[in-house]
Amino acid sequence: MTLNVSTSQLQAIHYHAEADYPAECCGILLGRVDGDSKELAEVAPVPNLRLDPARAQQVIALEDPGRESERNRFLIDPKEQLRVEKDARVRGLAVLGYYHSHPDHPARPSNYDREHAWPWYSYIIVSVEAGKARDTQSWVLSDDRVEFNAEVLEVTGETQVDGGRTMIGKTDAMPNYEYRASNTQD
């Protein structure tokens, strides 16, 4: 399967990764499936709950808090996940996957990523080196959950989705981001 994204959607992910550096950023990929491709309609940035260690530990405890932190782990608040999913469903969109950054590490999934992922979903990982987004790769977990396989990430020009709104930012939980309408129509 191929994941189709627009230039501005990819830029939004990179911006989020750079803004949250040196912590991992995270977000939800929303769109539709069309045959053998996933068509990304919106990028929904969400806060990394690991930035609130006490709350994060209540949701999913870290195995080794001395070695694990928001710099090498992310966690999406389950309440935020449900809110984004419900909002997407109302608008005819589905969760296609997730994105997160790897500060000062390659854009390859870790064992931790594999243990917390689900088959079929797309997982975009952005390598951020010294605060700058560098490499970006999309991955899909195999059905047997043994390994990730690289997914074709096709970056296209702007697309007009849902009345011209390509989300490159704002959710209630991420007020420093904003919506921007795309300028090019299909």
N, C-alpha and C. Protein backbone atom coordinates (compact mmCIF):
# COMPACT_ATOMS: atom_id res chain seq x y z
N MET A 1 0.84 -1.18 0.00
CA MET A 1 0.00 0.00 0.00
C MET A 1 0.89 1.24 0.00
N THR A 2 0.40 2.31 -0.57
CA THR A 2 1.10 3.59 -0.64
C THR A 2 0.37 4.60 0.24
N LEU A 3 1.14 5.44 0.92
CA LEU A 3 0.56 6.55 1.68
C LEU A 3 0.82 7.83 0.90
N ASN A 4 -0.25 8.47 0.43
CA ASN A 4 -0.14 9.71 -0.33
C ASN A 4 -0.34 10.90 0.60
N VAL A 5 0.64 11.79 0.60
CA VAL A 5 0.60 12.99 1.44
C VAL A 5 0.91 14.21 0.58
N SER A 6 0.41 15.36 0.98
CA SER A 6 0.74 16.59 0.26
C SER A 6 2.00 17.20 0.86
N THR A 7 2.59 18.09 0.12
CA THR A 7 3.78 18.79 0.58
C THR A 7 3.50 19.53 1.89
N SER A 8 2.34 20.22 1.98
CA SER A 8 2.06 20.99 3.20
C SER A 8 1.82 20.07 4.40
N GLN A 9 1.24 18.90 4.17
CA GLN A 9 1.04 17.95 5.28
C GLN A 9 2.39 17.47 5.81
N LEU A 10 3.29 17.16 4.89
CA LEU A 10 4.62 16.72 5.31
C LEU A 10 5.36 17.86 6.01
N GLN A 11 5.20 19.07 5.50
CA GLN A 11 5.82 20.23 6.15
C GLN A 11 5.26 20.44 7.55
N ALA A 12 3.96 20.20 7.73
CA ALA A 12 3.34 20.35 9.05
C ALA A 12 3.93 19.35 10.04
N ILE A 13 4.13 18.13 9.59
CA ILE A 13 4.74 17.11 10.44
C ILE A 13 6.17 17.52 10.80
N HIS A 14 6.93 18.00 9.81
CA HIS A 14 8.30 18.44 10.07
C HIS A 14 8.32 19.62 11.04
N TYR A 15 7.40 20.58 10.85
CA TYR A 15 7.33 21.73 11.73
C TYR A 15 7.05 21.29 13.18
N HIS A 16 6.11 20.37 13.34
CA HIS A 16 5.77 19.87 14.66
C HIS A 16 6.99 19.19 15.29
N ALA A 17 7.69 18.37 14.51
CA ALA A 17 8.87 17.66 15.01
C ALA A 17 9.96 18.63 15.45
N GLU A 18 10.17 19.68 14.66
CA GLU A 18 11.18 20.67 15.01
C GLU A 18 10.75 21.50 16.22
N ALA A 19 9.47 21.85 16.30
CA ALA A 19 8.97 22.66 17.41
C ALA A 19 9.06 21.92 18.74
N ASP A 20 8.85 20.62 18.72
CA ASP A 20 8.86 19.84 19.96
C ASP A 20 10.25 19.32 20.33
N TYR A 21 11.22 19.45 19.43
CA TYR A 21 12.58 19.00 19.72
C TYR A 21 13.10 19.69 20.98
N PRO A 22 13.75 19.02 21.91
CA PRO A 22 14.33 17.68 21.80
C PRO A 22 13.40 16.55 22.22
N ALA A 23 12.13 16.85 22.51
CA ALA A 23 11.17 15.79 22.83
C ALA A 23 10.63 15.19 21.54
N GLU A 24 10.09 14.00 21.65
CA GLU A 24 9.40 13.40 20.52
C GLU A 24 8.06 14.09 20.35
N CYS A 25 7.70 14.37 19.11
CA CYS A 25 6.36 14.88 18.82
C CYS A 25 5.50 13.68 18.42
N CYS A 26 4.19 13.88 18.36
CA CYS A 26 3.32 12.80 17.91
C CYS A 26 2.04 13.38 17.34
N GLY A 27 1.40 12.60 16.49
CA GLY A 27 0.16 13.05 15.89
C GLY A 27 -0.55 11.91 15.20
N ILE A 28 -1.74 12.20 14.73
CA ILE A 28 -2.61 11.20 14.12
C ILE A 28 -2.82 11.56 12.66
N LEU A 29 -2.77 10.55 11.80
CA LEU A 29 -2.94 10.71 10.36
C LEU A 29 -4.37 10.33 10.00
N LEU A 30 -5.11 11.27 9.40
CA LEU A 30 -6.52 11.06 9.08
C LEU A 30 -6.72 11.10 7.57
N GLY A 31 -7.59 10.24 7.07
CA GLY A 31 -7.87 10.26 5.64
C GLY A 31 -8.80 9.15 5.22
N ARG A 32 -8.59 8.68 3.99
CA ARG A 32 -9.44 7.64 3.41
C ARG A 32 -8.58 6.62 2.67
N VAL A 33 -9.10 5.42 2.55
CA VAL A 33 -8.44 4.38 1.76
C VAL A 33 -9.09 4.39 0.38
N ASP A 34 -8.25 4.37 -0.65
CA ASP A 34 -8.71 4.34 -2.03
C ASP A 34 -7.96 3.23 -2.75
N GLY A 35 -8.58 2.04 -2.84
CA GLY A 35 -7.92 0.91 -3.48
C GLY A 35 -6.68 0.50 -2.71
N ASP A 36 -5.52 0.59 -3.37
CA ASP A 36 -4.25 0.20 -2.75
C ASP A 36 -3.49 1.39 -2.16
N SER A 37 -4.19 2.49 -1.93
CA SER A 37 -3.48 3.63 -1.35
C SER A 37 -4.29 4.25 -0.22
N LYS A 38 -3.56 4.84 0.67
CA LYS A 38 -4.14 5.62 1.76
C LYS A 38 -3.95 7.08 1.39
N GLU A 39 -5.05 7.83 1.38
CA GLU A 39 -5.02 9.24 0.99
C GLU A 39 -5.11 10.09 2.25
N LEU A 40 -4.01 10.73 2.62
CA LEU A 40 -3.99 11.55 3.83
C LEU A 40 -4.76 12.84 3.58
N ALA A 41 -5.74 13.10 4.43
CA ALA A 41 -6.54 14.32 4.33
C ALA A 41 -6.10 15.35 5.36
N GLU A 42 -5.78 14.88 6.57
CA GLU A 42 -5.39 15.81 7.64
C GLU A 42 -4.31 15.21 8.53
N VAL A 43 -3.51 16.10 9.04
CA VAL A 43 -2.51 15.79 10.05
C VAL A 43 -3.01 16.41 11.34
N ALA A 44 -3.24 15.60 12.36
CA ALA A 44 -3.74 16.10 13.64
C ALA A 44 -2.65 15.99 14.70
N PRO A 45 -1.92 17.07 14.95
CA PRO A 45 -0.90 17.03 16.00
C PRO A 45 -1.55 16.90 17.37
N VAL A 46 -0.97 16.10 18.22
CA VAL A 46 -1.46 15.95 19.59
C VAL A 46 -0.27 16.06 20.54
N PRO A 47 -0.52 16.46 21.78
CA PRO A 47 0.58 16.58 22.73
C PRO A 47 1.17 15.22 23.09
N ASN A 48 2.46 15.21 23.32
CA ASN A 48 3.13 14.02 23.82
C ASN A 48 2.87 13.98 25.33
N LEU A 49 2.06 13.04 25.76
CA LEU A 49 1.71 12.93 27.17
C LEU A 49 2.94 12.65 28.04
N ARG A 50 4.03 12.18 27.44
CA ARG A 50 5.26 11.93 28.21
C ARG A 50 5.84 13.23 28.77
N LEU A 51 5.39 14.39 28.25
CA LEU A 51 5.83 15.66 28.81
C LEU A 51 5.21 15.91 30.18
N ASP A 52 4.20 15.12 30.54
CA ASP A 52 3.58 15.16 31.87
C ASP A 52 3.83 13.79 32.50
N PRO A 53 5.03 13.56 33.04
CA PRO A 53 5.43 12.22 33.49
C PRO A 53 4.46 11.56 34.47
N ALA A 54 3.92 12.31 35.41
CA ALA A 54 3.02 11.70 36.40
C ALA A 54 1.76 11.16 35.72
N ARG A 55 1.16 11.96 34.87
CA ARG A 55 -0.05 11.53 34.15
C ARG A 55 0.27 10.38 33.21
N ALA A 56 1.39 10.47 32.48
CA ALA A 56 1.78 9.42 31.54
C ALA A 56 2.00 8.09 32.24
N GLN A 57 2.63 8.14 33.41
CA GLN A 57 2.88 6.90 34.16
C GLN A 57 1.57 6.22 34.55
N GLN A 58 0.52 7.02 34.79
CA GLN A 58 -0.79 6.44 35.13
C GLN A 58 -1.42 5.74 33.94
N VAL A 59 -1.14 6.24 32.73
CA VAL A 59 -1.73 5.67 31.52
C VAL A 59 -0.95 4.43 31.09
N ILE A 60 0.34 4.59 30.83
CA ILE A 60 1.23 3.47 30.49
C ILE A 60 2.57 3.75 31.15
N ALA A 61 2.91 2.97 32.13
CA ALA A 61 4.16 3.17 32.87
C ALA A 61 5.36 2.82 32.00
N LEU A 62 6.42 3.61 32.15
CA LEU A 62 7.68 3.31 31.49
C LEU A 62 8.35 2.16 32.22
N GLU A 63 9.02 1.30 31.46
CA GLU A 63 9.73 0.17 32.07
C GLU A 63 10.96 0.64 32.83
N ASP A 64 11.65 1.65 32.29
CA ASP A 64 12.87 2.15 32.90
C ASP A 64 12.87 3.68 32.84
N PRO A 65 12.17 4.33 33.79
CA PRO A 65 12.06 5.79 33.74
C PRO A 65 13.40 6.53 33.73
N GLY A 66 14.45 5.91 34.23
CA GLY A 66 15.77 6.53 34.20
C GLY A 66 16.34 6.64 32.80
N ARG A 67 15.97 5.71 31.92
CA ARG A 67 16.47 5.71 30.53
C ARG A 67 15.42 6.18 29.54
N GLU A 68 14.17 6.12 29.93
CA GLU A 68 13.09 6.47 29.03
C GLU A 68 12.49 7.81 29.45
N SER A 69 12.18 8.64 28.45
CA SER A 69 11.58 9.94 28.72
C SER A 69 10.91 10.44 27.46
N GLU A 70 10.44 11.69 27.50
CA GLU A 70 9.83 12.28 26.32
C GLU A 70 10.81 12.43 25.16
N ARG A 71 12.11 12.29 25.44
CA ARG A 71 13.12 12.35 24.36
C ARG A 71 13.15 11.08 23.52
N ASN A 72 12.70 9.96 24.07
CA ASN A 72 12.73 8.72 23.29
C ASN A 72 11.44 7.91 23.41
N ARG A 73 10.38 8.53 23.88
CA ARG A 73 9.07 7.87 23.96
C ARG A 73 7.98 8.91 23.72
N PHE A 74 6.89 8.47 23.14
CA PHE A 74 5.73 9.34 23.05
C PHE A 74 4.52 8.55 23.51
N LEU A 75 3.51 9.28 23.92
CA LEU A 75 2.26 8.67 24.35
C LEU A 75 1.14 9.63 24.03
N ILE A 76 0.13 9.12 23.34
CA ILE A 76 -1.05 9.92 23.02
C ILE A 76 -2.10 9.64 24.09
N ASP A 77 -2.61 10.71 24.68
CA ASP A 77 -3.65 10.57 25.70
C ASP A 77 -4.84 9.85 25.09
N PRO A 78 -5.32 8.77 25.69
CA PRO A 78 -6.46 8.03 25.13
C PRO A 78 -7.70 8.91 24.93
N LYS A 79 -7.91 9.89 25.80
CA LYS A 79 -9.06 10.79 25.64
C LYS A 79 -8.90 11.65 24.39
N GLU A 80 -7.67 12.09 24.13
CA GLU A 80 -7.40 12.88 22.93
C GLU A 80 -7.56 12.02 21.67
N GLN A 81 -7.10 10.78 21.75
CA GLN A 81 -7.25 9.84 20.64
C GLN A 81 -8.73 9.68 20.28
N LEU A 82 -9.57 9.45 21.28
CA LEU A 82 -11.00 9.28 21.04
C LEU A 82 -11.64 10.55 20.48
N ARG A 83 -11.24 11.71 20.99
CA ARG A 83 -11.78 12.97 20.50
C ARG A 83 -11.46 13.17 19.02
N VAL A 84 -10.20 12.92 18.65
CA VAL A 84 -9.79 13.08 17.25
C VAL A 84 -10.52 12.07 16.37
N GLU A 85 -10.63 10.82 16.82
CA GLU A 85 -11.34 9.79 16.04
C GLU A 85 -12.80 10.15 15.82
N LYS A 86 -13.48 10.59 16.87
CA LYS A 86 -14.90 10.96 16.75
C LYS A 86 -15.08 12.12 15.79
N ASP A 87 -14.24 13.14 15.91
CA ASP A 87 -14.31 14.29 15.03
C ASP A 87 -14.07 13.86 13.57
N ALA A 88 -13.11 12.99 13.36
CA ALA A 88 -12.79 12.52 12.01
C ALA A 88 -13.97 11.74 11.43
N ARG A 89 -14.53 10.87 12.22
CA ARG A 89 -15.64 10.03 11.76
C ARG A 89 -16.83 10.87 11.29
N VAL A 90 -17.14 11.93 12.03
CA VAL A 90 -18.24 12.83 11.66
C VAL A 90 -17.99 13.41 10.27
N ARG A 91 -16.74 13.62 9.92
CA ARG A 91 -16.39 14.22 8.64
C ARG A 91 -16.03 13.18 7.57
N GLY A 92 -16.30 11.91 7.85
CA GLY A 92 -16.05 10.86 6.86
C GLY A 92 -14.60 10.46 6.72
N LEU A 93 -13.80 10.73 7.75
CA LEU A 93 -12.39 10.37 7.73
C LEU A 93 -12.13 9.24 8.71
N ALA A 94 -11.03 8.54 8.49
CA ALA A 94 -10.63 7.44 9.37
C ALA A 94 -9.19 7.65 9.80
N VAL A 95 -8.81 7.00 10.89
CA VAL A 95 -7.41 7.02 11.31
C VAL A 95 -6.64 6.09 10.37
N LEU A 96 -5.66 6.66 9.67
CA LEU A 96 -4.80 5.88 8.77
C LEU A 96 -3.51 5.48 9.46
N GLY A 97 -3.17 6.20 10.52
CA GLY A 97 -1.92 5.89 11.21
C GLY A 97 -1.52 7.02 12.13
N TYR A 98 -0.22 7.05 12.40
CA TYR A 98 0.33 7.96 13.39
C TYR A 98 1.69 8.46 12.91
N TYR A 99 2.11 9.57 13.46
CA TYR A 99 3.47 10.03 13.19
C TYR A 99 4.14 10.39 14.51
N HIS A 100 5.44 10.29 14.51
CA HIS A 100 6.22 10.78 15.64
C HIS A 100 7.65 11.05 15.18
N SER A 101 8.39 11.72 16.02
CA SER A 101 9.77 12.06 15.67
C SER A 101 10.75 11.23 16.50
N HIS A 102 11.94 11.12 15.96
CA HIS A 102 13.06 10.50 16.67
C HIS A 102 14.15 11.57 16.80
N PRO A 103 14.20 12.26 17.93
CA PRO A 103 15.23 13.29 18.13
C PRO A 103 16.64 12.68 18.13
N ASP A 104 17.46 13.16 17.22
CA ASP A 104 18.87 12.74 17.10
C ASP A 104 19.02 11.23 16.92
N HIS A 105 18.05 10.62 16.25
CA HIS A 105 18.10 9.20 15.91
C HIS A 105 17.49 9.00 14.53
N PRO A 106 17.81 7.88 13.88
CA PRO A 106 17.30 7.62 12.53
C PRO A 106 15.77 7.46 12.49
N ALA A 107 15.23 7.62 11.31
CA ALA A 107 13.78 7.50 11.08
C ALA A 107 13.40 6.03 10.90
N ARG A 108 13.87 5.21 11.81
CA ARG A 108 13.56 3.77 11.81
C ARG A 108 12.84 3.42 13.09
N PRO A 109 11.86 2.50 13.01
CA PRO A 109 11.13 2.13 14.22
C PRO A 109 12.04 1.39 15.21
N SER A 110 11.82 1.66 16.47
CA SER A 110 12.54 0.96 17.54
C SER A 110 11.74 -0.29 17.94
N ASN A 111 12.33 -1.12 18.75
CA ASN A 111 11.58 -2.27 19.28
C ASN A 111 10.38 -1.79 20.08
N TYR A 112 10.54 -0.70 20.81
CA TYR A 112 9.43 -0.12 21.56
C TYR A 112 8.30 0.27 20.61
N ASP A 113 8.66 0.91 19.50
CA ASP A 113 7.65 1.28 18.49
C ASP A 113 6.90 0.03 18.01
N ARG A 114 7.64 -1.03 17.72
CA ARG A 114 7.03 -2.27 17.23
C ARG A 114 6.09 -2.87 18.27
N GLU A 115 6.49 -2.86 19.51
CA GLU A 115 5.68 -3.45 20.59
C GLU A 115 4.38 -2.67 20.83
N HIS A 116 4.33 -1.42 20.41
CA HIS A 116 3.16 -0.57 20.67
C HIS A 116 2.40 -0.20 19.40
N ALA A 117 2.70 -0.88 18.31
CA ALA A 117 2.05 -0.58 17.02
C ALA A 117 1.05 -1.68 16.66
N TRP A 118 0.24 -1.38 15.65
CA TRP A 118 -0.74 -2.33 15.13
C TRP A 118 -0.50 -2.53 13.64
N PRO A 119 -0.74 -3.74 13.12
CA PRO A 119 -0.62 -3.96 11.67
C PRO A 119 -1.58 -3.04 10.89
N TRP A 120 -1.29 -2.84 9.65
CA TRP A 120 -2.03 -2.08 8.65
C TRP A 120 -1.80 -0.58 8.76
N TYR A 121 -1.76 -0.01 9.94
CA TYR A 121 -1.63 1.43 10.10
C TYR A 121 -0.27 1.93 9.60
N SER A 122 -0.27 3.16 9.10
CA SER A 122 0.97 3.81 8.66
C SER A 122 1.61 4.49 9.86
N TYR A 123 2.93 4.40 9.95
CA TYR A 123 3.69 5.04 11.01
C TYR A 123 4.79 5.88 10.37
N ILE A 124 4.55 7.19 10.29
CA ILE A 124 5.57 8.08 9.76
C ILE A 124 6.52 8.44 10.90
N ILE A 125 7.81 8.28 10.64
CA ILE A 125 8.83 8.66 11.62
C ILE A 125 9.73 9.70 10.98
N VAL A 126 9.97 10.78 11.71
CA VAL A 126 10.84 11.86 11.25
C VAL A 126 12.08 11.89 12.13
N SER A 127 13.24 11.81 11.50
CA SER A 127 14.50 11.98 12.21
C SER A 127 14.76 13.48 12.33
N VAL A 128 14.99 13.94 13.56
CA VAL A 128 15.28 15.36 13.80
C VAL A 128 16.68 15.44 14.39
N GLU A 129 17.58 16.06 13.65
CA GLU A 129 18.96 16.20 14.11
C GLU A 129 19.24 17.65 14.46
N ALA A 130 19.64 17.89 15.69
CA ALA A 130 19.97 19.24 16.18
C ALA A 130 18.84 20.23 15.86
N GLY A 131 17.59 19.76 16.01
CA GLY A 131 16.45 20.63 15.85
C GLY A 131 15.92 20.77 14.43
N LYS A 132 16.51 20.09 13.46
CA LYS A 132 16.08 20.18 12.06
C LYS A 132 15.60 18.81 11.57
N ALA A 133 14.40 18.79 10.98
CA ALA A 133 13.87 17.56 10.40
C ALA A 133 14.77 17.15 9.24
N ARG A 134 15.18 15.91 9.22
CA ARG A 134 16.09 15.43 8.18
C ARG A 134 15.44 14.35 7.32
N ASP A 135 15.36 13.16 7.83
CA ASP A 135 14.86 12.02 7.07
C ASP A 135 13.44 11.70 7.52
N THR A 136 12.59 11.31 6.58
CA THR A 136 11.22 10.93 6.90
C THR A 136 10.91 9.63 6.19
N GLN A 137 10.34 8.69 6.92
CA GLN A 137 10.00 7.38 6.34
C GLN A 137 8.68 6.91 6.93
N SER A 138 7.88 6.23 6.12
CA SER A 138 6.65 5.62 6.61
C SER A 138 6.84 4.12 6.70
N TRP A 139 6.25 3.54 7.72
CA TRP A 139 6.39 2.11 8.00
C TRP A 139 5.03 1.49 8.27
N VAL A 140 4.92 0.19 8.02
CA VAL A 140 3.72 -0.59 8.33
C VAL A 140 4.17 -1.86 9.05
N LEU A 141 3.54 -2.16 10.17
CA LEU A 141 3.86 -3.36 10.93
C LEU A 141 3.30 -4.58 10.22
N SER A 142 4.09 -5.63 10.12
CA SER A 142 3.63 -6.87 9.48
C SER A 142 2.48 -7.48 10.28
N ASP A 143 1.65 -8.26 9.61
CA ASP A 143 0.50 -8.88 10.27
C ASP A 143 0.89 -9.75 11.45
N ASP A 144 2.08 -10.38 11.37
CA ASP A 144 2.53 -11.24 12.48
C ASP A 144 3.23 -10.43 13.57
N ARG A 145 3.32 -9.11 13.39
CA ARG A 145 3.88 -8.16 14.34
C ARG A 145 5.38 -8.36 14.61
N VAL A 146 6.05 -9.08 13.73
CA VAL A 146 7.47 -9.37 13.91
C VAL A 146 8.36 -8.21 13.47
N GLU A 147 7.93 -7.50 12.39
CA GLU A 147 8.79 -6.45 11.86
C GLU A 147 7.98 -5.36 11.17
N PHE A 148 8.62 -4.22 11.04
CA PHE A 148 8.05 -3.14 10.23
C PHE A 148 8.59 -3.28 8.81
N ASN A 149 7.75 -2.93 7.85
CA ASN A 149 8.17 -2.87 6.45
C ASN A 149 8.02 -1.43 5.99
N ALA A 150 8.98 -0.99 5.18
CA ALA A 150 8.90 0.37 4.65
C ALA A 150 7.66 0.49 3.78
N GLU A 151 6.98 1.61 3.89
CA GLU A 151 5.79 1.89 3.10
C GLU A 151 6.14 3.02 2.12
N VAL A 152 5.64 2.91 0.91
CA VAL A 152 5.88 3.98 -0.06
C VAL A 152 5.16 5.24 0.44
N LEU A 153 5.93 6.31 0.57
CA LEU A 153 5.40 7.60 0.99
C LEU A 153 5.47 8.51 -0.23
N GLU A 154 4.34 8.72 -0.87
CA GLU A 154 4.30 9.53 -2.09
C GLU A 154 3.87 10.95 -1.73
N VAL A 155 4.78 11.89 -1.98
CA VAL A 155 4.52 13.29 -1.66
C VAL A 155 4.07 13.98 -2.95
N THR A 156 2.90 14.57 -2.90
CA THR A 156 2.33 15.22 -4.07
C THR A 156 2.15 16.71 -3.80
N GLY A 157 1.78 17.44 -4.83
CA GLY A 157 1.45 18.86 -4.67
C GLY A 157 0.22 18.97 -3.80
N GLU A 158 -0.21 20.18 -3.56
CA GLU A 158 -1.38 20.41 -2.72
C GLU A 158 -2.61 19.74 -3.28
N THR A 159 -3.45 19.27 -2.40
CA THR A 159 -4.73 18.71 -2.79
C THR A 159 -5.81 19.43 -2.01
N GLN A 160 -6.99 19.47 -2.56
CA GLN A 160 -8.09 20.12 -1.87
C GLN A 160 -8.95 19.03 -1.24
N VAL A 161 -9.04 19.06 0.07
CA VAL A 161 -9.76 18.05 0.82
C VAL A 161 -10.79 18.73 1.70
N ASP A 162 -11.99 18.18 1.73
CA ASP A 162 -13.03 18.70 2.63
C ASP A 162 -13.19 20.21 2.53
N GLY A 163 -13.51 20.68 1.32
CA GLY A 163 -13.77 22.09 1.14
C GLY A 163 -12.54 22.96 1.18
N GLY A 164 -11.39 22.40 0.87
CA GLY A 164 -10.18 23.21 0.79
C GLY A 164 -9.39 23.29 2.06
N ARG A 165 -9.77 22.57 3.08
CA ARG A 165 -9.07 22.67 4.36
C ARG A 165 -8.08 21.52 4.48
N THR A 166 -6.83 21.84 4.44
CA THR A 166 -5.79 20.87 4.72
C THR A 166 -5.27 21.21 6.10
N MET A 167 -5.45 20.32 7.03
CA MET A 167 -5.05 20.64 8.39
C MET A 167 -3.55 20.52 8.53
N ILE A 168 -2.94 21.59 8.93
CA ILE A 168 -1.52 21.53 9.22
C ILE A 168 -1.30 22.02 10.64
N GLY A 169 -2.29 21.87 11.44
CA GLY A 169 -2.10 22.34 12.78
C GLY A 169 -3.22 22.13 13.74
N LYS A 170 -3.86 23.15 14.12
CA LYS A 170 -4.62 23.32 15.35
C LYS A 170 -5.58 22.19 15.73
N THR A 171 -5.43 21.73 16.93
CA THR A 171 -6.44 20.94 17.62
C THR A 171 -6.66 21.65 18.95
N ASP A 172 -7.69 21.29 19.65
CA ASP A 172 -7.93 21.93 20.95
C ASP A 172 -6.73 21.76 21.87
N ALA A 173 -6.05 20.62 21.74
CA ALA A 173 -4.93 20.35 22.62
C ALA A 173 -3.63 21.00 22.15
N MET A 174 -3.61 21.47 20.90
CA MET A 174 -2.40 22.07 20.34
C MET A 174 -2.74 23.46 19.80
N PRO A 175 -3.00 24.44 20.65
CA PRO A 175 -3.50 25.74 20.20
C PRO A 175 -2.48 26.57 19.42
N ASN A 176 -1.21 26.21 19.41
CA ASN A 176 -0.23 27.00 18.69
C ASN A 176 -0.16 26.67 17.21
N TYR A 177 -1.00 25.77 16.76
CA TYR A 177 -1.05 25.39 15.35
C TYR A 177 -2.34 25.91 14.77
N GLU A 178 -2.42 26.04 13.47
CA GLU A 178 -3.65 26.55 12.88
C GLU A 178 -3.94 25.88 11.55
N TYR A 179 -5.22 25.96 11.13
CA TYR A 179 -5.62 25.43 9.85
C TYR A 179 -5.12 26.35 8.74
N ARG A 180 -4.82 25.76 7.60
CA ARG A 180 -4.47 26.56 6.43
C ARG A 180 -5.14 25.93 5.23
N ALA A 181 -5.84 26.72 4.46
CA ALA A 181 -6.50 26.20 3.26
C ALA A 181 -5.45 25.97 2.19
N SER A 182 -5.61 24.88 1.44
CA SER A 182 -4.69 24.64 0.33
C SER A 182 -5.10 25.52 -0.85
N ASN A 183 -4.15 25.83 -1.69
CA ASN A 183 -4.38 26.75 -2.79
C ASN A 183 -4.66 26.08 -4.13
N THR A 184 -4.36 24.81 -4.25
CA THR A 184 -4.50 24.11 -5.52
C THR A 184 -5.61 23.11 -5.43
N GLN A 185 -6.41 23.04 -6.45
CA GLN A 185 -7.51 22.06 -6.49
C GLN A 185 -7.11 20.88 -7.34
N ASP A 186 -7.74 19.72 -7.08
CA ASP A 186 -7.48 18.52 -7.88
C ASP A 186 -7.94 18.73 -9.31
